[in-house]
Amino acid sequence: MKTALLSDANRRLDRALQYVSISADATERLRRPQASLTVSIPVRMDDGSLRVFEGYRVHYDNTRGPTKGGIRYHPDVSLDEMQSLAFWMTFKCAALGLPFGGAKGGIALDPKALSRLELERLSRGYVDAIAPFIGPDTDIPAPDVYTNAMIMGWMMDQYSIIQGHRSPAVITGKPVSLGGSRGRRTATGTGAFHVLQAMMAKLGRSPADLTVAVQGFGNAGSVIARHLFDSG
């Protein structure tokens, strides 16, 4: 199994360790995920055929608390990518002092090739497969690439059905009407913009000094593009 992305993350960990002092035990634990789940998700398509999709959910480290991380739908999703992104979620939460560990999940597919009903069956089937692996005190998913509030709503509903009671705390990024937070949809792009502003202030740069390339124009890219345009 190729693990190029996780190997690269470990090389960056080695560089960071030159500037801090932590125990050899902690270093060794941070080199690999605590748990990686691979699931098969059978989906009845609109034409009556059956397709089986491969999905993943990774818990990297839960030392600080329940793991937290998005779920993405993309053709290039792989276990290596999920493990490396869960690695980075672990350090992002720690750097901000948040009481969460790092996780990530996804399904390998082109979501644009599925109908809305097929996407709903897929999303609910994914939750059926990973339900024992997630929960408000264990692992809390969220939207990511090509997933949105609607999909999070389906997933929360399916988890609630499995548990036998309403469980809105299992997932973030839900519609506000289902217990989601206002401003969640724009939070990622807005946060990236604030980071860029802070970096510019530290470097003494002005908007006139910079051009910016934005990869993608979805939940994050479209929002930061608007902020960048409005700020010059």
C-alpha atoms as a PDB file:
ATOM      1  CA  MET A   1       0.000   0.000   0.000  1.00  0.00           C
ATOM      2  CA  LYS A   2       1.405   3.384  -0.990  1.00  0.00           C
ATOM      3  CA  THR A   3       1.488   5.962   1.810  1.00  0.00           C
ATOM      4  CA  ALA A   4       3.206   8.862   0.081  1.00  0.00           C
ATOM      5  CA  LEU A   5       1.097  11.564   1.722  1.00  0.00           C
ATOM      6  CA  LEU A   6       1.407  10.189   5.243  1.00  0.00           C
ATOM      7  CA  SER A   7       5.138   9.694   4.703  1.00  0.00           C
ATOM      8  CA  ASP A   8       5.435  13.342   3.695  1.00  0.00           C
ATOM      9  CA  ALA A   9       3.493  14.370   6.812  1.00  0.00           C
ATOM     10  CA  ASN A  10       5.925  12.373   8.939  1.00  0.00           C
ATOM     11  CA  ARG A  11       8.876  14.134   7.303  1.00  0.00           C
ATOM     12  CA  ARG A  12       7.307  17.456   8.276  1.00  0.00           C
ATOM     13  CA  LEU A  13       6.839  16.137  11.804  1.00  0.00           C
ATOM     14  CA  ASP A  14      10.566  15.366  11.921  1.00  0.00           C
ATOM     15  CA  ARG A  15      11.330  18.963  10.920  1.00  0.00           C
ATOM     16  CA  ALA A  16       8.987  20.346  13.573  1.00  0.00           C
ATOM     17  CA  LEU A  17      10.559  18.160  16.257  1.00  0.00           C
ATOM     18  CA  GLN A  18      13.820  20.081  15.784  1.00  0.00           C
ATOM     19  CA  TYR A  19      12.158  23.036  17.540  1.00  0.00           C
ATOM     20  CA  VAL A  20      10.336  21.295  20.409  1.00  0.00           C
ATOM     21  CA  SER A  21      11.119  18.673  22.998  1.00  0.00           C
ATOM     22  CA  ILE A  22       8.578  15.895  23.549  1.00  0.00           C
ATOM     23  CA  SER A  23       9.000  12.329  24.724  1.00  0.00           C
ATOM     24  CA  ALA A  24      10.087   9.576  22.377  1.00  0.00           C
ATOM     25  CA  ASP A  25       6.857   7.745  23.253  1.00  0.00           C
ATOM     26  CA  ALA A  26       4.690  10.690  22.134  1.00  0.00           C
ATOM     27  CA  THR A  27       6.704  11.048  18.933  1.00  0.00           C
ATOM     28  CA  GLU A  28       6.256   7.382  18.103  1.00  0.00           C
ATOM     29  CA  ARG A  29       2.495   7.548  18.687  1.00  0.00           C
ATOM     30  CA  LEU A  30       2.168  10.584  16.403  1.00  0.00           C
ATOM     31  CA  ARG A  31       3.695   8.757  13.443  1.00  0.00           C
ATOM     32  CA  ARG A  32       0.650   6.629  12.656  1.00  0.00           C
ATOM     33  CA  PRO A  33      -3.133   6.797  13.079  1.00  0.00           C
ATOM     34  CA  GLN A  34      -4.858   5.180  16.031  1.00  0.00           C
ATOM     35  CA  ALA A  35      -7.514   3.535  13.866  1.00  0.00           C
ATOM     36  CA  SER A  36      -8.377   3.349  10.169  1.00  0.00           C
ATOM     37  CA  LEU A  37     -11.694   1.969   8.917  1.00  0.00           C
ATOM     38  CA  THR A  38     -12.366   0.922   5.308  1.00  0.00           C
ATOM     39  CA  VAL A  39     -15.959   0.111   4.388  1.00  0.00           C
ATOM     40  CA  SER A  40     -17.894  -1.062   1.348  1.00  0.00           C
ATOM     41  CA  ILE A  41     -21.144   0.816   0.694  1.00  0.00           C
ATOM     42  CA  PRO A  42     -23.684  -0.904  -1.606  1.00  0.00           C
ATOM     43  CA  VAL A  43     -26.016   1.591  -3.275  1.00  0.00           C
ATOM     44  CA  ARG A  44     -29.087   0.846  -5.375  1.00  0.00           C
ATOM     45  CA  MET A  45     -28.867   3.200  -8.331  1.00  0.00           C
ATOM     46  CA  ASP A  46     -31.838   4.886  -9.991  1.00  0.00           C
ATOM     47  CA  ASP A  47     -31.697   2.442 -12.913  1.00  0.00           C
ATOM     48  CA  GLY A  48     -32.029  -0.540 -10.567  1.00  0.00           C
ATOM     49  CA  SER A  49     -28.383  -1.605 -10.737  1.00  0.00           C
ATOM     50  CA  LEU A  50     -26.200  -2.042  -7.657  1.00  0.00           C
ATOM     51  CA  ARG A  51     -22.882  -0.251  -7.218  1.00  0.00           C
ATOM     52  CA  VAL A  52     -20.486  -0.688  -4.325  1.00  0.00           C
ATOM     53  CA  PHE A  53     -18.431   2.327  -3.243  1.00  0.00           C
ATOM     54  CA  GLU A  54     -15.378   2.328  -0.996  1.00  0.00           C
ATOM     55  CA  GLY A  55     -15.357   4.645   2.004  1.00  0.00           C
ATOM     56  CA  TYR A  56     -12.974   5.474   4.835  1.00  0.00           C
ATOM     57  CA  ARG A  57     -12.894   7.004   8.302  1.00  0.00           C
ATOM     58  CA  VAL A  58      -9.650   7.580  10.188  1.00  0.00           C
ATOM     59  CA  HIS A  59      -9.040   8.510  13.833  1.00  0.00           C
ATOM     60  CA  TYR A  60      -5.507   9.841  14.057  1.00  0.00           C
ATOM     61  CA  ASP A  61      -5.159  10.864  17.708  1.00  0.00           C
ATOM     62  CA  ASN A  62      -7.711  11.453  20.471  1.00  0.00           C
ATOM     63  CA  THR A  63      -5.375  12.556  23.264  1.00  0.00           C
ATOM     64  CA  ARG A  64      -7.043  15.983  23.454  1.00  0.00           C
ATOM     65  CA  GLY A  65     -10.621  14.758  23.107  1.00  0.00           C
ATOM     66  CA  PRO A  66     -13.086  13.341  20.546  1.00  0.00           C
ATOM     67  CA  THR A  67     -11.662  13.344  17.051  1.00  0.00           C
ATOM     68  CA  LYS A  68     -12.925  15.937  14.569  1.00  0.00           C
ATOM     69  CA  GLY A  69     -12.666  16.117  10.799  1.00  0.00           C
ATOM     70  CA  GLY A  70     -14.570  16.377   7.542  1.00  0.00           C
ATOM     71  CA  ILE A  71     -16.016  13.868   5.093  1.00  0.00           C
ATOM     72  CA  ARG A  72     -15.173  14.381   1.435  1.00  0.00           C
ATOM     73  CA  TYR A  73     -16.634  12.906  -1.764  1.00  0.00           C
ATOM     74  CA  HIS A  74     -14.017  12.854  -4.528  1.00  0.00           C
ATOM     75  CA  PRO A  75     -12.638  10.402  -7.121  1.00  0.00           C
ATOM     76  CA  ASP A  76      -9.124  10.673  -5.642  1.00  0.00           C
ATOM     77  CA  VAL A  77     -10.113   9.812  -2.061  1.00  0.00           C
ATOM     78  CA  SER A  78      -7.814   7.106  -0.668  1.00  0.00           C
ATOM     79  CA  LEU A  79      -6.873   5.679   2.712  1.00  0.00           C
ATOM     80  CA  ASP A  80      -3.469   7.383   2.513  1.00  0.00           C
ATOM     81  CA  GLU A  81      -5.102  10.762   1.892  1.00  0.00           C
ATOM     82  CA  MET A  82      -7.540  10.266   4.787  1.00  0.00           C
ATOM     83  CA  GLN A  83      -4.721   9.290   7.148  1.00  0.00           C
ATOM     84  CA  SER A  84      -2.591  12.287   6.195  1.00  0.00           C
ATOM     85  CA  LEU A  85      -5.506  14.742   6.467  1.00  0.00           C
ATOM     86  CA  ALA A  86      -6.406  13.283   9.873  1.00  0.00           C
ATOM     87  CA  PHE A  87      -2.759  13.856  10.849  1.00  0.00           C
ATOM     88  CA  TRP A  88      -3.067  17.533   9.949  1.00  0.00           C
ATOM     89  CA  MET A  89      -6.427  17.868  11.739  1.00  0.00           C
ATOM     90  CA  THR A  90      -4.731  16.572  14.899  1.00  0.00           C
ATOM     91  CA  PHE A  91      -2.126  19.330  14.777  1.00  0.00           C
ATOM     92  CA  LYS A  92      -4.575  22.055  13.698  1.00  0.00           C
ATOM     93  CA  CYS A  93      -6.777  21.391  16.729  1.00  0.00           C
ATOM     94  CA  ALA A  94      -3.751  21.223  19.042  1.00  0.00           C
ATOM     95  CA  ALA A  95      -2.244  24.454  17.693  1.00  0.00           C
ATOM     96  CA  LEU A  96      -5.485  26.293  18.519  1.00  0.00           C
ATOM     97  CA  GLY A  97      -5.857  24.668  21.931  1.00  0.00           C
ATOM     98  CA  LEU A  98      -9.141  22.982  20.991  1.00  0.00           C
ATOM     99  CA  PRO A  99     -10.345  19.949  22.991  1.00  0.00           C
ATOM    100  CA  PHE A 100     -10.436  17.722  19.910  1.00  0.00           C
ATOM    101  CA  GLY A 101      -8.246  15.182  18.202  1.00  0.00           C
ATOM    102  CA  GLY A 102      -7.922  14.705  14.459  1.00  0.00           C
ATOM    103  CA  ALA A 103      -9.987  12.586  12.065  1.00  0.00           C
ATOM    104  CA  LYS A 104     -10.975  12.479   8.400  1.00  0.00           C
ATOM    105  CA  GLY A 105     -13.281  10.479   6.175  1.00  0.00           C
ATOM    106  CA  GLY A 106     -14.410  10.164   2.613  1.00  0.00           C
ATOM    107  CA  ILE A 107     -15.815   8.116  -0.234  1.00  0.00           C
ATOM    108  CA  ALA A 108     -14.083   7.554  -3.561  1.00  0.00           C
ATOM    109  CA  LEU A 109     -16.509   8.698  -6.272  1.00  0.00           C
ATOM    110  CA  ASP A 110     -17.486  11.535  -8.584  1.00  0.00           C
ATOM    111  CA  PRO A 111     -20.516  12.980  -6.766  1.00  0.00           C
ATOM    112  CA  LYS A 112     -21.531  14.967  -9.844  1.00  0.00           C
ATOM    113  CA  ALA A 113     -22.294  11.668 -11.610  1.00  0.00           C
ATOM    114  CA  LEU A 114     -24.951  10.687  -9.024  1.00  0.00           C
ATOM    115  CA  SER A 115     -28.529  11.912  -8.736  1.00  0.00           C
ATOM    116  CA  ARG A 116     -29.726  13.528  -5.529  1.00  0.00           C
ATOM    117  CA  LEU A 117     -31.502  10.326  -4.478  1.00  0.00           C
ATOM    118  CA  GLU A 118     -28.398   8.252  -5.195  1.00  0.00           C
ATOM    119  CA  LEU A 119     -26.310  10.661  -3.104  1.00  0.00           C
ATOM    120  CA  GLU A 120     -28.773  10.334  -0.234  1.00  0.00           C
ATOM    121  CA  ARG A 121     -28.675   6.531  -0.368  1.00  0.00           C
ATOM    122  CA  LEU A 122     -24.876   6.655  -0.477  1.00  0.00           C
ATOM    123  CA  SER A 123     -24.648   9.075   2.454  1.00  0.00           C
ATOM    124  CA  ARG A 124     -27.018   7.074   4.613  1.00  0.00           C
ATOM    125  CA  GLY A 125     -25.231   3.837   3.668  1.00  0.00           C
ATOM    126  CA  TYR A 126     -21.903   5.351   4.678  1.00  0.00           C
ATOM    127  CA  VAL A 127     -23.293   6.215   8.112  1.00  0.00           C
ATOM    128  CA  ASP A 128     -24.721   2.714   8.446  1.00  0.00           C
ATOM    129  CA  ALA A 129     -21.203   1.393   7.877  1.00  0.00           C
ATOM    130  CA  ILE A 130     -19.298   3.773  10.190  1.00  0.00           C
ATOM    131  CA  ALA A 131     -21.907   4.332  12.934  1.00  0.00           C
ATOM    132  CA  PRO A 132     -20.002   2.324  15.591  1.00  0.00           C
ATOM    133  CA  PHE A 133     -16.899   4.405  14.770  1.00  0.00           C
ATOM    134  CA  ILE A 134     -18.440   7.870  15.317  1.00  0.00           C
ATOM    135  CA  GLY A 135     -20.421   9.680  18.023  1.00  0.00           C
ATOM    136  CA  PRO A 136     -20.554  12.968  19.983  1.00  0.00           C
ATOM    137  CA  ASP A 137     -17.985  11.698  22.507  1.00  0.00           C
ATOM    138  CA  THR A 138     -15.905   9.681  20.027  1.00  0.00           C
ATOM    139  CA  ASP A 139     -15.614  11.218  16.562  1.00  0.00           C
ATOM    140  CA  ILE A 140     -17.562  14.158  15.102  1.00  0.00           C
ATOM    141  CA  PRO A 141     -17.621  14.454  11.277  1.00  0.00           C
ATOM    142  CA  ALA A 142     -18.203  17.632   9.261  1.00  0.00           C
ATOM    143  CA  PRO A 143     -18.526  18.766   5.617  1.00  0.00           C
ATOM    144  CA  ASP A 144     -15.506  18.808   3.321  1.00  0.00           C
ATOM    145  CA  VAL A 145     -14.851  18.657  -0.429  1.00  0.00           C
ATOM    146  CA  TYR A 146     -18.113  18.094  -2.365  1.00  0.00           C
ATOM    147  CA  THR A 147     -20.204  17.610   0.789  1.00  0.00           C
ATOM    148  CA  ASN A 148     -22.543  20.178   2.278  1.00  0.00           C
ATOM    149  CA  ALA A 149     -25.224  20.902   4.883  1.00  0.00           C
ATOM    150  CA  MET A 150     -27.797  18.776   3.075  1.00  0.00           C
ATOM    151  CA  ILE A 151     -25.536  15.723   3.146  1.00  0.00           C
ATOM    152  CA  MET A 152     -24.669  16.326   6.807  1.00  0.00           C
ATOM    153  CA  GLY A 153     -28.406  16.478   7.532  1.00  0.00           C
ATOM    154  CA  TRP A 154     -28.945  13.081   5.897  1.00  0.00           C
ATOM    155  CA  MET A 155     -26.063  11.643   7.901  1.00  0.00           C
ATOM    156  CA  MET A 156     -27.287  13.062  11.204  1.00  0.00           C
ATOM    157  CA  ASP A 157     -30.776  11.712  10.505  1.00  0.00           C
ATOM    158  CA  GLN A 158     -29.442   8.246   9.665  1.00  0.00           C
ATOM    159  CA  TYR A 159     -27.301   8.149  12.807  1.00  0.00           C
ATOM    160  CA  SER A 160     -30.336   9.209  14.851  1.00  0.00           C
ATOM    161  CA  ILE A 161     -32.373   6.370  13.314  1.00  0.00           C
ATOM    162  CA  ILE A 162     -29.643   3.878  14.270  1.00  0.00           C
ATOM    163  CA  GLN A 163     -29.432   5.221  17.828  1.00  0.00           C
ATOM    164  CA  GLY A 164     -33.195   5.379  18.270  1.00  0.00           C
ATOM    165  CA  HIS A 165     -33.209   9.031  19.319  1.00  0.00           C
ATOM    166  CA  ARG A 166     -32.340  12.433  17.840  1.00  0.00           C
ATOM    167  CA  SER A 167     -28.559  12.932  17.913  1.00  0.00           C
ATOM    168  CA  PRO A 168     -27.667  16.350  16.446  1.00  0.00           C
ATOM    169  CA  ALA A 169     -24.299  16.475  18.250  1.00  0.00           C
ATOM    170  CA  VAL A 170     -22.895  13.646  16.124  1.00  0.00           C
ATOM    171  CA  ILE A 171     -22.043  15.942  13.203  1.00  0.00           C
ATOM    172  CA  THR A 172     -21.398  19.613  12.475  1.00  0.00           C
ATOM    173  CA  GLY A 173     -22.212  21.587   9.357  1.00  0.00           C
ATOM    174  CA  LYS A 174     -25.892  20.608   9.420  1.00  0.00           C
ATOM    175  CA  PRO A 175     -28.647  22.941   8.203  1.00  0.00           C
ATOM    176  CA  VAL A 176     -29.503  25.566  10.834  1.00  0.00           C
ATOM    177  CA  SER A 177     -33.048  24.150  10.943  1.00  0.00           C
ATOM    178  CA  LEU A 178     -31.585  20.824  12.139  1.00  0.00           C
ATOM    179  CA  GLY A 179     -29.404  22.356  14.848  1.00  0.00           C
ATOM    180  CA  GLY A 180     -26.530  23.632  12.742  1.00  0.00           C
ATOM    181  CA  SER A 181     -24.550  26.801  13.470  1.00  0.00           C
ATOM    182  CA  ARG A 182     -25.093  30.065  11.630  1.00  0.00           C
ATOM    183  CA  GLY A 183     -22.061  31.060   9.581  1.00  0.00           C
ATOM    184  CA  ARG A 184     -20.752  27.505   9.294  1.00  0.00           C
ATOM    185  CA  ARG A 185     -20.940  27.389   5.494  1.00  0.00           C
ATOM    186  CA  THR A 186     -18.636  30.396   5.099  1.00  0.00           C
ATOM    187  CA  ALA A 187     -16.395  29.682   8.092  1.00  0.00           C
ATOM    188  CA  THR A 188     -13.591  27.846   6.250  1.00  0.00           C
ATOM    189  CA  GLY A 189     -13.066  30.457   3.541  1.00  0.00           C
ATOM    190  CA  THR A 190     -13.474  33.340   5.988  1.00  0.00           C
ATOM    191  CA  GLY A 191     -10.982  31.752   8.360  1.00  0.00           C
ATOM    192  CA  ALA A 192      -8.427  31.368   5.590  1.00  0.00           C
ATOM    193  CA  PHE A 193      -8.901  35.042   4.716  1.00  0.00           C
ATOM    194  CA  HIS A 194      -8.267  36.097   8.321  1.00  0.00           C
ATOM    195  CA  VAL A 195      -5.086  33.989   8.385  1.00  0.00           C
ATOM    196  CA  LEU A 196      -3.904  35.695   5.200  1.00  0.00           C
ATOM    197  CA  GLN A 197      -4.654  39.121   6.687  1.00  0.00           C
ATOM    198  CA  ALA A 198      -2.658  38.280   9.819  1.00  0.00           C
ATOM    199  CA  MET A 199       0.263  37.042   7.731  1.00  0.00           C
ATOM    200  CA  MET A 200       0.242  40.210   5.608  1.00  0.00           C
ATOM    201  CA  ALA A 201       0.265  42.396   8.727  1.00  0.00           C
ATOM    202  CA  LYS A 202       3.192  40.451  10.157  1.00  0.00           C
ATOM    203  CA  LEU A 203       5.145  40.775   6.899  1.00  0.00           C
ATOM    204  CA  GLY A 204       4.201  44.433   6.406  1.00  0.00           C
ATOM    205  CA  ARG A 205       2.521  43.741   3.070  1.00  0.00           C
ATOM    206  CA  SER A 206      -0.509  45.437   1.522  1.00  0.00           C
ATOM    207  CA  PRO A 207      -3.185  44.025  -0.817  1.00  0.00           C
ATOM    208  CA  ALA A 208      -1.548  45.888  -3.691  1.00  0.00           C
ATOM    209  CA  ASP A 209       1.566  43.717  -3.225  1.00  0.00           C
ATOM    210  CA  LEU A 210      -0.201  40.426  -3.760  1.00  0.00           C
ATOM    211  CA  THR A 211      -2.008  38.279  -6.275  1.00  0.00           C
ATOM    212  CA  VAL A 212      -3.735  35.121  -5.089  1.00  0.00           C
ATOM    213  CA  ALA A 213      -4.492  31.820  -6.825  1.00  0.00           C
ATOM    214  CA  VAL A 214      -7.589  30.011  -5.567  1.00  0.00           C
ATOM    215  CA  GLN A 215      -7.922  26.289  -6.300  1.00  0.00           C
ATOM    216  CA  GLY A 216     -11.578  25.362  -6.654  1.00  0.00           C
ATOM    217  CA  PHE A 217     -14.677  27.501  -6.279  1.00  0.00           C
ATOM    218  CA  GLY A 218     -16.806  25.558  -3.827  1.00  0.00           C
ATOM    219  CA  ASN A 219     -17.632  25.919  -0.130  1.00  0.00           C
ATOM    220  CA  ALA A 220     -14.222  27.423   0.690  1.00  0.00           C
ATOM    221  CA  GLY A 221     -12.819  28.811  -2.554  1.00  0.00           C
ATOM    222  CA  SER A 222     -15.824  30.908  -3.519  1.00  0.00           C
ATOM    223  CA  VAL A 223     -15.982  32.515  -0.069  1.00  0.00           C
ATOM    224  CA  ILE A 224     -12.313  33.481   0.190  1.00  0.00           C
ATOM    225  CA  ALA A 225     -12.362  34.703  -3.432  1.00  0.00           C
ATOM    226  CA  ARG A 226     -15.167  37.112  -2.520  1.00  0.00           C
ATOM    227  CA  HIS A 227     -13.287  38.359   0.566  1.00  0.00           C
ATOM    228  CA  LEU A 228     -10.086  38.813  -1.464  1.00  0.00           C
ATOM    229  CA  PHE A 229     -11.895  40.704  -4.208  1.00  0.00           C
ATOM    230  CA  ASP A 230     -13.722  42.980  -1.769  1.00  0.00           C
ATOM    231  CA  SER A 231     -10.470  43.780   0.075  1.00  0.00           C
ATOM    232  CA  GLY A 232      -8.595  44.681  -3.103  1.00  0.00           C
END
